Amino acid sequence: MTDPADTAPPLPTFRPEEQVCGNCKLWSPHSVDERRGWVGPCRLQSSRGMFPPSAPICDKYAPRGTAVAPAAHSPSRERTARSVAPVVIRRRVDPNEVVDLEGLNMTREELMDIFREASGLTDAPPLAGKWEGGMVRLVPGNPELQAKDLPIDSLFHKVVMVRDRLRVLEQKLNAHPKLSDAEKVEMQSYITRVYGSLTNFNVLFKDKGDQFVGAKGDE
């Protein structure tokens, strides 16, 4: 049976001067709709759901290759009602303070990183500009079989998820109370080798600080 994804139409392209979402860096291809063809979401207006790249632009339009300006907030002229609630002074928490979770010790910042990663609230690293809107083509060795296209945005999202979960694994490993230092070093070496195997994906990251770093030297 033929996989429906194998028969997907090519991603439509538009002239640079065309005012459509397909020329906006905030729109990314996601999947093929039976009636509308390629559809995808807007990064700033997720409430719009999935829509085709031929949709007309809105006031958030940002041409590909340009920086996205933060939304301007105009000061309100309305008089703000004075609050009569008591003022609560919160103690400033040291992010490096160590917390004990039933024998598992880690800093508050490490714990918050785990919560943010698990809830999906971490800031996604930016994709290198030259790959925006691009596709990955998987070509079978048999020329009679059709190639399969995958949006680079989707691949990049999966690579970032792998990277973030490896970082959480490192944090839990380093804070584990029942592992000796020698055991931690040995397990850390395996994680470092995994990072090294993933360095081929570094070309997708815009910022070098977000990339995978493997073992140094001639390993």
N, C-alpha and C. Protein backbone atom coordinates (compact mmCIF):
# COMPACT_ATOMS: atom_id res chain seq x y z
N MET A 1 0.86 -1.20 0.00
CA MET A 1 0.00 0.00 0.00
C MET A 1 0.89 1.24 0.00
N THR A 2 0.53 2.25 -0.77
CA THR A 2 1.33 3.47 -0.87
C THR A 2 1.05 4.38 0.32
N ASP A 3 2.08 4.87 0.93
CA ASP A 3 1.95 5.82 2.04
C ASP A 3 1.44 7.14 1.47
N PRO A 4 0.31 7.72 2.03
CA PRO A 4 -0.23 8.97 1.50
C PRO A 4 0.79 10.09 1.51
N ALA A 5 1.73 10.05 2.47
CA ALA A 5 2.74 11.12 2.54
C ALA A 5 3.68 11.09 1.35
N ASP A 6 3.81 9.89 0.71
CA ASP A 6 4.70 9.78 -0.44
C ASP A 6 4.16 10.52 -1.65
N THR A 7 2.85 10.74 -1.69
CA THR A 7 2.24 11.41 -2.83
C THR A 7 1.97 12.88 -2.56
N ALA A 8 2.56 13.44 -1.52
CA ALA A 8 2.33 14.83 -1.17
C ALA A 8 2.82 15.74 -2.29
N PRO A 9 2.05 16.80 -2.60
CA PRO A 9 2.48 17.74 -3.64
C PRO A 9 3.67 18.55 -3.16
N PRO A 10 4.43 19.13 -4.08
CA PRO A 10 5.57 19.97 -3.66
C PRO A 10 5.08 21.20 -2.91
N LEU A 11 5.90 21.71 -2.01
CA LEU A 11 5.55 22.90 -1.26
C LEU A 11 5.49 24.10 -2.21
N PRO A 12 4.37 24.83 -2.25
CA PRO A 12 4.25 25.95 -3.19
C PRO A 12 5.24 27.07 -2.88
N THR A 13 5.69 27.73 -3.92
CA THR A 13 6.59 28.87 -3.76
C THR A 13 5.92 30.12 -4.35
N PHE A 14 6.33 31.28 -3.86
CA PHE A 14 5.72 32.54 -4.28
C PHE A 14 6.81 33.55 -4.61
N ARG A 15 6.46 34.49 -5.47
CA ARG A 15 7.40 35.56 -5.78
C ARG A 15 7.61 36.42 -4.54
N PRO A 16 8.82 36.98 -4.36
CA PRO A 16 9.12 37.75 -3.14
C PRO A 16 8.13 38.87 -2.87
N GLU A 17 7.57 39.47 -3.94
CA GLU A 17 6.68 40.61 -3.73
C GLU A 17 5.25 40.20 -3.38
N GLU A 18 4.92 38.92 -3.46
CA GLU A 18 3.56 38.48 -3.16
C GLU A 18 3.29 38.57 -1.66
N GLN A 19 2.16 39.18 -1.31
CA GLN A 19 1.78 39.38 0.09
C GLN A 19 0.96 38.20 0.59
N VAL A 20 1.63 37.11 0.86
CA VAL A 20 0.96 35.89 1.34
C VAL A 20 1.75 35.32 2.51
N CYS A 21 1.10 34.47 3.29
CA CYS A 21 1.75 33.89 4.47
C CYS A 21 2.93 33.00 4.10
N GLY A 22 2.91 32.46 2.90
CA GLY A 22 4.02 31.60 2.48
C GLY A 22 5.33 32.35 2.39
N ASN A 23 5.30 33.69 2.30
CA ASN A 23 6.51 34.50 2.26
C ASN A 23 6.86 35.06 3.64
N CYS A 24 6.12 34.65 4.67
CA CYS A 24 6.34 35.15 6.03
C CYS A 24 7.12 34.12 6.83
N LYS A 25 8.11 34.55 7.57
CA LYS A 25 8.94 33.63 8.35
C LYS A 25 8.20 33.05 9.54
N LEU A 26 7.04 33.62 9.88
CA LEU A 26 6.27 33.11 11.02
C LEU A 26 5.41 31.91 10.64
N TRP A 27 5.20 31.71 9.35
CA TRP A 27 4.41 30.54 8.91
C TRP A 27 5.36 29.41 8.56
N SER A 28 5.00 28.18 8.95
CA SER A 28 5.84 27.02 8.64
C SER A 28 4.96 25.87 8.15
N PRO A 29 5.42 25.10 7.16
CA PRO A 29 4.63 23.97 6.66
C PRO A 29 4.57 22.85 7.68
N HIS A 30 3.41 22.22 7.78
CA HIS A 30 3.24 21.14 8.76
C HIS A 30 2.78 19.84 8.12
N SER A 31 1.72 19.88 7.32
CA SER A 31 1.17 18.66 6.74
C SER A 31 0.35 19.02 5.50
N VAL A 32 -0.16 17.99 4.83
CA VAL A 32 -0.94 18.19 3.60
C VAL A 32 -2.41 17.92 3.89
N ASP A 33 -3.26 18.92 3.67
CA ASP A 33 -4.69 18.78 3.83
C ASP A 33 -5.29 18.23 2.52
N GLU A 34 -6.29 17.39 2.66
CA GLU A 34 -6.87 16.73 1.47
C GLU A 34 -7.45 17.73 0.48
N ARG A 35 -8.01 18.84 0.98
CA ARG A 35 -8.65 19.82 0.10
C ARG A 35 -7.75 21.01 -0.20
N ARG A 36 -6.98 21.45 0.81
CA ARG A 36 -6.24 22.71 0.66
C ARG A 36 -4.77 22.54 0.34
N GLY A 37 -4.27 21.31 0.32
CA GLY A 37 -2.86 21.11 0.06
C GLY A 37 -2.04 21.37 1.32
N TRP A 38 -0.83 21.93 1.18
CA TRP A 38 0.03 22.18 2.33
C TRP A 38 -0.61 23.20 3.28
N VAL A 39 -0.59 22.88 4.58
CA VAL A 39 -1.08 23.80 5.61
C VAL A 39 -0.06 23.83 6.74
N GLY A 40 -0.12 24.87 7.54
CA GLY A 40 0.80 24.99 8.66
C GLY A 40 0.33 26.08 9.61
N PRO A 41 0.99 26.21 10.77
CA PRO A 41 0.58 27.19 11.78
C PRO A 41 1.42 28.47 11.70
N CYS A 42 0.94 29.49 12.37
CA CYS A 42 1.68 30.74 12.56
C CYS A 42 2.31 30.69 13.94
N ARG A 43 3.60 31.04 14.05
CA ARG A 43 4.29 30.94 15.34
C ARG A 43 3.76 31.92 16.36
N LEU A 44 3.24 33.07 15.92
CA LEU A 44 2.75 34.08 16.86
C LEU A 44 1.25 33.97 17.09
N GLN A 45 0.52 33.42 16.13
CA GLN A 45 -0.93 33.35 16.24
C GLN A 45 -1.39 31.90 16.11
N SER A 46 -1.03 31.09 17.09
CA SER A 46 -1.37 29.67 17.04
C SER A 46 -2.87 29.43 17.08
N SER A 47 -3.65 30.41 17.56
CA SER A 47 -5.10 30.24 17.64
C SER A 47 -5.75 30.15 16.26
N ARG A 48 -5.03 30.56 15.23
CA ARG A 48 -5.59 30.48 13.88
C ARG A 48 -5.61 29.05 13.35
N GLY A 49 -4.89 28.15 14.00
CA GLY A 49 -4.86 26.77 13.56
C GLY A 49 -4.01 26.59 12.31
N MET A 50 -4.36 25.60 11.50
CA MET A 50 -3.62 25.30 10.28
C MET A 50 -4.25 26.01 9.08
N PHE A 51 -3.45 26.64 8.25
CA PHE A 51 -3.97 27.31 7.07
C PHE A 51 -2.91 27.28 5.96
N PRO A 52 -3.31 27.41 4.70
CA PRO A 52 -2.37 27.28 3.58
C PRO A 52 -1.45 28.49 3.45
N PRO A 53 -0.31 28.34 2.77
CA PRO A 53 0.62 29.44 2.61
C PRO A 53 0.10 30.55 1.71
N SER A 54 -0.97 30.28 0.97
CA SER A 54 -1.54 31.30 0.09
C SER A 54 -2.44 32.28 0.83
N ALA A 55 -2.61 32.11 2.13
CA ALA A 55 -3.45 33.01 2.92
C ALA A 55 -2.87 34.42 2.91
N PRO A 56 -3.74 35.45 2.93
CA PRO A 56 -3.23 36.84 2.93
C PRO A 56 -2.53 37.16 4.25
N ILE A 57 -1.58 38.10 4.19
CA ILE A 57 -0.79 38.43 5.38
C ILE A 57 -1.61 39.26 6.36
N CYS A 58 -1.12 39.32 7.60
CA CYS A 58 -1.75 40.11 8.64
C CYS A 58 -0.74 41.17 9.13
N ASP A 59 -1.08 41.87 10.21
CA ASP A 59 -0.19 42.93 10.70
C ASP A 59 1.05 42.38 11.40
N LYS A 60 1.17 41.05 11.53
CA LYS A 60 2.36 40.45 12.13
C LYS A 60 3.35 39.99 11.06
N TYR A 61 3.08 40.28 9.82
CA TYR A 61 3.88 39.78 8.69
C TYR A 61 5.35 40.17 8.83
N ALA A 62 6.24 39.19 8.67
CA ALA A 62 7.69 39.42 8.71
C ALA A 62 8.31 38.66 7.55
N PRO A 63 8.80 39.34 6.52
CA PRO A 63 9.39 38.65 5.36
C PRO A 63 10.54 37.75 5.80
N ARG A 64 10.71 36.64 5.11
CA ARG A 64 11.79 35.71 5.43
C ARG A 64 13.14 36.41 5.30
N GLY A 65 14.04 36.12 6.24
CA GLY A 65 15.36 36.74 6.23
C GLY A 65 15.44 38.01 7.05
N THR A 66 14.30 38.42 7.68
CA THR A 66 14.31 39.62 8.52
C THR A 66 14.05 39.22 9.96
N ALA A 67 14.41 40.10 10.90
CA ALA A 67 14.19 39.84 12.32
C ALA A 67 12.74 40.16 12.65
N VAL A 68 12.18 39.42 13.59
CA VAL A 68 10.81 39.67 14.03
C VAL A 68 10.83 40.70 15.14
N ALA A 69 10.21 41.85 14.89
CA ALA A 69 10.19 42.91 15.90
C ALA A 69 9.20 42.57 17.00
N PRO A 70 9.55 42.81 18.26
CA PRO A 70 8.60 42.53 19.35
C PRO A 70 7.37 43.41 19.24
N ALA A 71 6.25 42.87 19.65
CA ALA A 71 5.00 43.61 19.55
C ALA A 71 5.05 44.84 20.45
N ALA A 72 4.64 45.99 19.89
CA ALA A 72 4.67 47.23 20.66
C ALA A 72 3.45 47.31 21.55
N HIS A 73 3.64 47.72 22.78
CA HIS A 73 2.54 47.86 23.73
C HIS A 73 2.35 49.35 24.00
N SER A 74 1.22 49.87 23.57
CA SER A 74 0.94 51.29 23.79
C SER A 74 0.43 51.49 25.22
N PRO A 75 0.93 52.50 25.89
CA PRO A 75 0.48 52.73 27.27
C PRO A 75 -1.00 53.08 27.33
N SER A 76 -1.67 52.54 28.30
CA SER A 76 -3.10 52.77 28.44
C SER A 76 -3.34 54.16 29.03
N ARG A 77 -4.33 54.86 28.48
CA ARG A 77 -4.66 56.20 28.98
C ARG A 77 -5.69 56.14 30.11
N GLU A 78 -6.27 54.95 30.29
CA GLU A 78 -7.27 54.84 31.32
C GLU A 78 -6.60 54.84 32.70
N ARG A 79 -7.24 55.46 33.63
CA ARG A 79 -6.71 55.53 34.99
C ARG A 79 -6.84 54.17 35.65
N THR A 80 -5.75 53.68 36.17
CA THR A 80 -5.75 52.38 36.81
C THR A 80 -6.28 52.49 38.23
N ALA A 81 -7.20 51.60 38.57
CA ALA A 81 -7.77 51.62 39.92
C ALA A 81 -6.70 51.28 40.94
N ARG A 82 -6.69 52.00 42.02
CA ARG A 82 -5.69 51.80 43.08
C ARG A 82 -6.02 50.53 43.85
N SER A 83 -5.03 49.68 44.00
CA SER A 83 -5.23 48.43 44.71
C SER A 83 -5.19 48.67 46.21
N VAL A 84 -6.12 48.01 46.93
CA VAL A 84 -6.15 48.12 48.38
C VAL A 84 -5.64 46.83 49.03
N ALA A 85 -5.12 45.92 48.19
CA ALA A 85 -4.62 44.66 48.73
C ALA A 85 -3.32 44.89 49.47
N PRO A 86 -3.05 44.10 50.51
CA PRO A 86 -1.80 44.27 51.26
C PRO A 86 -0.59 43.93 50.39
N VAL A 87 0.51 44.62 50.62
CA VAL A 87 1.73 44.39 49.86
C VAL A 87 2.47 43.21 50.49
N VAL A 88 2.77 42.21 49.65
CA VAL A 88 3.49 41.03 50.13
C VAL A 88 4.93 41.11 49.64
N ILE A 89 5.87 41.10 50.55
CA ILE A 89 7.28 41.15 50.21
C ILE A 89 7.80 39.73 50.13
N ARG A 90 8.26 39.34 48.95
CA ARG A 90 8.72 37.98 48.73
C ARG A 90 10.23 37.90 48.92
N ARG A 91 10.65 36.86 49.61
CA ARG A 91 12.08 36.66 49.83
C ARG A 91 12.75 36.25 48.52
N ARG A 92 13.85 36.88 48.20
CA ARG A 92 14.57 36.55 46.97
C ARG A 92 15.23 35.18 47.13
N VAL A 93 14.96 34.29 46.19
CA VAL A 93 15.45 32.92 46.27
C VAL A 93 16.76 32.79 45.51
N ASP A 94 17.73 32.17 46.14
CA ASP A 94 19.02 31.93 45.49
C ASP A 94 18.87 30.75 44.53
N PRO A 95 19.07 30.95 43.21
CA PRO A 95 18.92 29.84 42.25
C PRO A 95 19.92 28.72 42.46
N ASN A 96 21.02 29.02 43.17
CA ASN A 96 22.04 28.00 43.42
C ASN A 96 21.83 27.26 44.73
N GLU A 97 20.76 27.61 45.43
CA GLU A 97 20.46 26.91 46.68
C GLU A 97 20.10 25.46 46.39
N VAL A 98 20.67 24.55 47.17
CA VAL A 98 20.45 23.11 46.96
C VAL A 98 19.19 22.68 47.69
N VAL A 99 18.31 21.96 46.98
CA VAL A 99 17.10 21.41 47.59
C VAL A 99 17.22 19.90 47.65
N ASP A 100 16.61 19.32 48.67
CA ASP A 100 16.67 17.87 48.88
C ASP A 100 15.32 17.27 48.56
N LEU A 101 15.26 16.45 47.50
CA LEU A 101 14.03 15.78 47.11
C LEU A 101 14.15 14.29 47.41
N GLU A 102 13.91 13.94 48.67
CA GLU A 102 13.98 12.55 49.11
C GLU A 102 15.31 11.91 48.71
N GLY A 103 16.39 12.61 49.03
CA GLY A 103 17.72 12.08 48.75
C GLY A 103 18.31 12.53 47.44
N LEU A 104 17.52 13.15 46.54
CA LEU A 104 18.02 13.63 45.26
C LEU A 104 18.32 15.12 45.39
N ASN A 105 19.58 15.49 45.42
CA ASN A 105 19.99 16.88 45.62
C ASN A 105 20.27 17.57 44.29
N MET A 106 19.72 18.77 44.14
CA MET A 106 20.00 19.60 42.96
C MET A 106 19.68 21.03 43.31
N THR A 107 20.20 21.97 42.52
CA THR A 107 19.93 23.38 42.78
C THR A 107 18.52 23.73 42.34
N ARG A 108 18.04 24.87 42.86
CA ARG A 108 16.70 25.32 42.47
C ARG A 108 16.62 25.58 40.96
N GLU A 109 17.69 26.13 40.41
CA GLU A 109 17.69 26.44 38.98
C GLU A 109 17.62 25.16 38.15
N GLU A 110 18.36 24.12 38.57
CA GLU A 110 18.29 22.84 37.86
C GLU A 110 16.90 22.24 37.94
N LEU A 111 16.27 22.35 39.12
CA LEU A 111 14.92 21.83 39.29
C LEU A 111 13.92 22.59 38.41
N MET A 112 14.06 23.93 38.35
CA MET A 112 13.17 24.72 37.51
C MET A 112 13.36 24.41 36.03
N ASP A 113 14.59 24.14 35.62
CA ASP A 113 14.84 23.76 34.23
C ASP A 113 14.09 22.49 33.88
N ILE A 114 14.06 21.53 34.81
CA ILE A 114 13.35 20.28 34.57
C ILE A 114 11.84 20.55 34.43
N PHE A 115 11.30 21.40 35.33
CA PHE A 115 9.87 21.73 35.25
C PHE A 115 9.53 22.44 33.93
N ARG A 116 10.40 23.40 33.55
CA ARG A 116 10.13 24.14 32.31
C ARG A 116 10.20 23.22 31.10
N GLU A 117 11.17 22.31 31.07
CA GLU A 117 11.31 21.40 29.94
C GLU A 117 10.13 20.45 29.86
N ALA A 118 9.67 19.94 31.04
CA ALA A 118 8.57 18.99 31.05
C ALA A 118 7.25 19.64 30.65
N SER A 119 7.09 20.94 30.94
CA SER A 119 5.84 21.63 30.61
C SER A 119 5.87 22.29 29.25
N GLY A 120 7.02 22.21 28.56
CA GLY A 120 7.11 22.81 27.23
C GLY A 120 7.23 24.31 27.24
N LEU A 121 7.66 24.90 28.37
CA LEU A 121 7.76 26.36 28.48
C LEU A 121 9.14 26.89 28.15
N THR A 122 10.05 26.03 27.81
CA THR A 122 11.39 26.50 27.46
C THR A 122 11.37 27.22 26.12
N ASP A 123 12.23 28.23 25.99
CA ASP A 123 12.31 28.97 24.73
C ASP A 123 12.98 28.11 23.67
N ALA A 124 12.30 27.94 22.55
CA ALA A 124 12.86 27.13 21.47
C ALA A 124 14.01 27.89 20.81
N PRO A 125 15.13 27.23 20.56
CA PRO A 125 16.25 27.91 19.89
C PRO A 125 15.86 28.25 18.45
N PRO A 126 16.41 29.34 17.89
CA PRO A 126 16.05 29.72 16.53
C PRO A 126 16.71 28.84 15.48
N LEU A 127 15.97 28.59 14.42
CA LEU A 127 16.48 27.84 13.27
C LEU A 127 17.32 28.78 12.41
N ALA A 128 18.44 28.30 11.87
CA ALA A 128 19.26 29.13 10.99
C ALA A 128 18.41 29.64 9.82
N GLY A 129 18.56 30.92 9.50
CA GLY A 129 17.69 31.57 8.53
C GLY A 129 17.63 30.89 7.17
N LYS A 130 18.75 30.34 6.71
CA LYS A 130 18.75 29.76 5.36
C LYS A 130 17.90 28.50 5.25
N TRP A 131 17.51 27.91 6.41
CA TRP A 131 16.71 26.68 6.36
C TRP A 131 15.21 26.97 6.52
N GLU A 132 14.82 28.21 6.81
CA GLU A 132 13.41 28.50 7.05
C GLU A 132 12.57 28.20 5.81
N GLY A 133 11.52 27.43 6.03
CA GLY A 133 10.64 27.05 4.93
C GLY A 133 11.20 25.95 4.05
N GLY A 134 12.38 25.41 4.41
CA GLY A 134 13.02 24.39 3.58
C GLY A 134 12.45 23.01 3.82
N MET A 135 12.89 22.07 2.99
CA MET A 135 12.41 20.69 3.06
C MET A 135 13.60 19.74 3.05
N VAL A 136 13.43 18.59 3.71
CA VAL A 136 14.39 17.50 3.64
C VAL A 136 13.80 16.43 2.73
N ARG A 137 14.54 15.99 1.74
CA ARG A 137 14.03 14.98 0.80
C ARG A 137 14.74 13.65 1.04
N LEU A 138 13.96 12.62 1.27
CA LEU A 138 14.46 11.26 1.44
C LEU A 138 14.27 10.52 0.12
N VAL A 139 15.38 10.17 -0.53
CA VAL A 139 15.33 9.55 -1.85
C VAL A 139 15.65 8.06 -1.73
N PRO A 140 14.72 7.17 -2.09
CA PRO A 140 14.98 5.73 -2.02
C PRO A 140 16.06 5.32 -3.02
N GLY A 141 16.72 4.20 -2.72
CA GLY A 141 17.72 3.67 -3.65
C GLY A 141 17.09 3.15 -4.92
N ASN A 142 15.85 2.73 -4.84
CA ASN A 142 15.11 2.25 -6.02
C ASN A 142 14.53 3.45 -6.75
N PRO A 143 14.97 3.74 -7.97
CA PRO A 143 14.49 4.93 -8.68
C PRO A 143 13.00 4.88 -9.02
N GLU A 144 12.39 3.70 -8.93
CA GLU A 144 10.96 3.59 -9.24
C GLU A 144 10.09 4.06 -8.07
N LEU A 145 10.68 4.20 -6.91
CA LEU A 145 9.93 4.65 -5.73
C LEU A 145 10.03 6.16 -5.60
N GLN A 146 8.96 6.75 -5.08
CA GLN A 146 8.89 8.21 -4.97
C GLN A 146 9.61 8.71 -3.72
N ALA A 147 10.26 9.84 -3.84
CA ALA A 147 10.94 10.45 -2.70
C ALA A 147 9.92 11.02 -1.72
N LYS A 148 10.35 11.21 -0.49
CA LYS A 148 9.47 11.74 0.55
C LYS A 148 10.05 13.04 1.09
N ASP A 149 9.22 14.08 1.18
CA ASP A 149 9.66 15.38 1.67
C ASP A 149 9.22 15.58 3.11
N LEU A 150 10.11 16.18 3.91
CA LEU A 150 9.83 16.47 5.31
C LEU A 150 10.22 17.93 5.59
N PRO A 151 9.30 18.74 6.11
CA PRO A 151 9.65 20.13 6.42
C PRO A 151 10.81 20.18 7.42
N ILE A 152 11.78 21.05 7.15
CA ILE A 152 12.94 21.16 8.04
C ILE A 152 12.51 21.63 9.42
N ASP A 153 11.47 22.45 9.49
CA ASP A 153 10.99 22.91 10.80
C ASP A 153 10.60 21.73 11.69
N SER A 154 9.94 20.72 11.09
CA SER A 154 9.52 19.55 11.86
C SER A 154 10.73 18.75 12.34
N LEU A 155 11.72 18.56 11.45
CA LEU A 155 12.94 17.84 11.82
C LEU A 155 13.67 18.59 12.93
N PHE A 156 13.77 19.91 12.80
CA PHE A 156 14.48 20.73 13.79
C PHE A 156 13.82 20.62 15.16
N HIS A 157 12.48 20.61 15.18
CA HIS A 157 11.75 20.49 16.45
C HIS A 157 12.09 19.18 17.16
N LYS A 158 12.17 18.09 16.40
CA LYS A 158 12.49 16.79 17.00
C LYS A 158 13.94 16.76 17.49
N VAL A 159 14.85 17.38 16.75
CA VAL A 159 16.25 17.42 17.18
C VAL A 159 16.39 18.21 18.48
N VAL A 160 15.66 19.32 18.60
CA VAL A 160 15.71 20.13 19.82
C VAL A 160 15.14 19.35 21.00
N MET A 161 14.08 18.57 20.77
CA MET A 161 13.51 17.76 21.85
C MET A 161 14.52 16.74 22.36
N VAL A 162 15.26 16.10 21.44
CA VAL A 162 16.30 15.14 21.83
C VAL A 162 17.37 15.85 22.66
N ARG A 163 17.81 17.03 22.19
CA ARG A 163 18.84 17.78 22.91
C ARG A 163 18.40 18.15 24.31
N ASP A 164 17.16 18.62 24.46
CA ASP A 164 16.68 19.05 25.77
C ASP A 164 16.55 17.88 26.74
N ARG A 165 16.11 16.73 26.24
CA ARG A 165 15.97 15.56 27.12
C ARG A 165 17.34 15.02 27.55
N LEU A 166 18.33 15.14 26.68
CA LEU A 166 19.68 14.74 27.08
C LEU A 166 20.22 15.65 28.18
N ARG A 167 19.90 16.94 28.10
CA ARG A 167 20.36 17.87 29.13
C ARG A 167 19.70 17.57 30.48
N VAL A 168 18.40 17.23 30.45
CA VAL A 168 17.72 16.86 31.69
C VAL A 168 18.32 15.58 32.27
N LEU A 169 18.63 14.62 31.39
CA LEU A 169 19.25 13.38 31.84
C LEU A 169 20.60 13.66 32.51
N GLU A 170 21.38 14.59 31.93
CA GLU A 170 22.65 14.96 32.54
C GLU A 170 22.46 15.53 33.95
N GLN A 171 21.46 16.40 34.11
CA GLN A 171 21.21 17.01 35.41
C GLN A 171 20.83 15.96 36.45
N LYS A 172 19.95 15.05 36.07
CA LYS A 172 19.53 14.02 37.01
C LYS A 172 20.68 13.08 37.36
N LEU A 173 21.50 12.79 36.36
CA LEU A 173 22.64 11.91 36.59
C LEU A 173 23.64 12.54 37.56
N ASN A 174 23.97 13.81 37.34
CA ASN A 174 24.96 14.48 38.18
C ASN A 174 24.48 14.68 39.62
N ALA A 175 23.14 14.73 39.79
CA ALA A 175 22.59 14.96 41.14
C ALA A 175 22.17 13.67 41.83
N HIS A 176 22.37 12.53 41.18
CA HIS A 176 21.90 11.27 41.76
C HIS A 176 22.72 10.92 43.01
N PRO A 177 22.04 10.66 44.15
CA PRO A 177 22.77 10.45 45.41
C PRO A 177 23.37 9.05 45.55
N LYS A 178 22.94 8.08 44.77
CA LYS A 178 23.37 6.70 44.95
C LYS A 178 24.45 6.26 43.97
N LEU A 179 24.87 7.17 43.09
CA LEU A 179 25.93 6.84 42.14
C LEU A 179 27.26 7.40 42.62
N SER A 180 28.29 6.62 42.47
CA SER A 180 29.63 7.11 42.83
C SER A 180 30.12 8.06 41.75
N ASP A 181 31.18 8.82 42.07
CA ASP A 181 31.74 9.74 41.09
C ASP A 181 32.23 8.99 39.86
N ALA A 182 32.81 7.80 40.06
CA ALA A 182 33.31 7.01 38.93
C ALA A 182 32.17 6.57 38.02
N GLU A 183 31.04 6.19 38.63
CA GLU A 183 29.88 5.77 37.83
C GLU A 183 29.29 6.94 37.06
N LYS A 184 29.26 8.12 37.69
CA LYS A 184 28.74 9.30 37.01
C LYS A 184 29.61 9.67 35.81
N VAL A 185 30.93 9.59 36.00
CA VAL A 185 31.86 9.91 34.90
C VAL A 185 31.67 8.94 33.75
N GLU A 186 31.50 7.65 34.07
CA GLU A 186 31.33 6.65 33.02
C GLU A 186 30.04 6.89 32.24
N MET A 187 28.94 7.15 32.94
CA MET A 187 27.66 7.38 32.26
C MET A 187 27.69 8.69 31.49
N GLN A 188 28.37 9.71 32.05
CA GLN A 188 28.48 10.98 31.35
C GLN A 188 29.22 10.82 30.03
N SER A 189 30.20 9.91 29.99
CA SER A 189 30.95 9.70 28.75
C SER A 189 30.05 9.17 27.64
N TYR A 190 29.05 8.34 28.00
CA TYR A 190 28.12 7.84 26.99
C TYR A 190 27.24 8.98 26.45
N ILE A 191 26.80 9.87 27.35
CA ILE A 191 25.98 11.00 26.91
C ILE A 191 26.80 11.90 25.99
N THR A 192 28.08 12.12 26.34
CA THR A 192 28.95 12.96 25.51
C THR A 192 29.10 12.35 24.11
N ARG A 193 29.19 11.02 24.03
CA ARG A 193 29.30 10.37 22.72
C ARG A 193 28.02 10.53 21.91
N VAL A 194 26.88 10.51 22.62
CA VAL A 194 25.61 10.76 21.92
C VAL A 194 25.59 12.16 21.33
N TYR A 195 26.05 13.14 22.14
CA TYR A 195 26.16 14.51 21.63
C TYR A 195 27.04 14.54 20.36
N GLY A 196 28.15 13.82 20.41
CA GLY A 196 29.05 13.79 19.26
C GLY A 196 28.38 13.21 18.03
N SER A 197 27.52 12.21 18.22
CA SER A 197 26.82 11.60 17.08
C SER A 197 25.79 12.55 16.48
N LEU A 198 25.37 13.55 17.25
CA LEU A 198 24.33 14.46 16.79
C LEU A 198 24.88 15.79 16.27
N THR A 199 26.21 15.94 16.24
CA THR A 199 26.78 17.21 15.79
C THR A 199 26.50 17.51 14.32
N ASN A 200 26.11 16.49 13.54
CA ASN A 200 25.77 16.74 12.13
C ASN A 200 24.57 17.67 12.00
N PHE A 201 23.75 17.73 13.07
CA PHE A 201 22.56 18.59 13.02
C PHE A 201 22.88 20.02 13.44
N ASN A 202 24.13 20.32 13.78
CA ASN A 202 24.48 21.67 14.24
C ASN A 202 24.23 22.73 13.17
N VAL A 203 24.24 22.33 11.89
CA VAL A 203 24.02 23.30 10.81
C VAL A 203 22.62 23.90 10.87
N LEU A 204 21.69 23.25 11.60
CA LEU A 204 20.31 23.74 11.66
C LEU A 204 20.17 24.88 12.68
N PHE A 205 21.10 24.96 13.66
CA PHE A 205 20.97 25.96 14.72
C PHE A 205 21.55 27.30 14.27
N LYS A 206 20.81 28.36 14.58
CA LYS A 206 21.28 29.71 14.24
C LYS A 206 22.41 30.13 15.17
N ASP A 207 22.27 29.84 16.48
CA ASP A 207 23.26 30.26 17.46
C ASP A 207 24.15 29.09 17.85
N LYS A 208 25.45 29.34 17.88
CA LYS A 208 26.41 28.28 18.18
C LYS A 208 26.23 27.73 19.58
N GLY A 209 25.79 28.57 20.51
CA GLY A 209 25.61 28.12 21.89
C GLY A 209 24.52 27.07 22.06
N ASP A 210 23.63 26.94 21.06
CA ASP A 210 22.55 25.95 21.13
C ASP A 210 22.95 24.61 20.53
N GLN A 211 24.13 24.52 19.94
CA GLN A 211 24.52 23.33 19.20
C GLN A 211 24.98 22.20 20.12
N PHE A 212 25.07 20.99 19.54
CA PHE A 212 25.60 19.83 20.25
C PHE A 212 27.13 19.94 20.32
N VAL A 213 27.69 19.53 21.45
CA VAL A 213 29.14 19.52 21.64
C VAL A 213 29.54 18.12 22.07
N GLY A 214 30.34 17.44 21.27
CA GLY A 214 30.79 16.09 21.60
C GLY A 214 32.10 16.11 22.35
N ALA A 215 32.75 14.96 22.38
CA ALA A 215 34.03 14.84 23.08
C ALA A 215 35.11 15.60 22.33
N LYS A 216 35.98 16.27 23.06
CA LYS A 216 37.10 16.98 22.45
C LYS A 216 38.24 16.00 22.19
N GLY A 217 39.03 16.28 21.19
CA GLY A 217 40.20 15.43 20.94
C GLY A 217 39.98 14.50 19.76
N ASP A 218 40.69 13.39 19.77
CA ASP A 218 40.67 12.48 18.63
C ASP A 218 39.80 11.27 18.85
N GLU A 219 38.82 11.37 19.71
CA GLU A 219 37.94 10.21 19.99
C GLU A 219 37.12 9.86 18.76
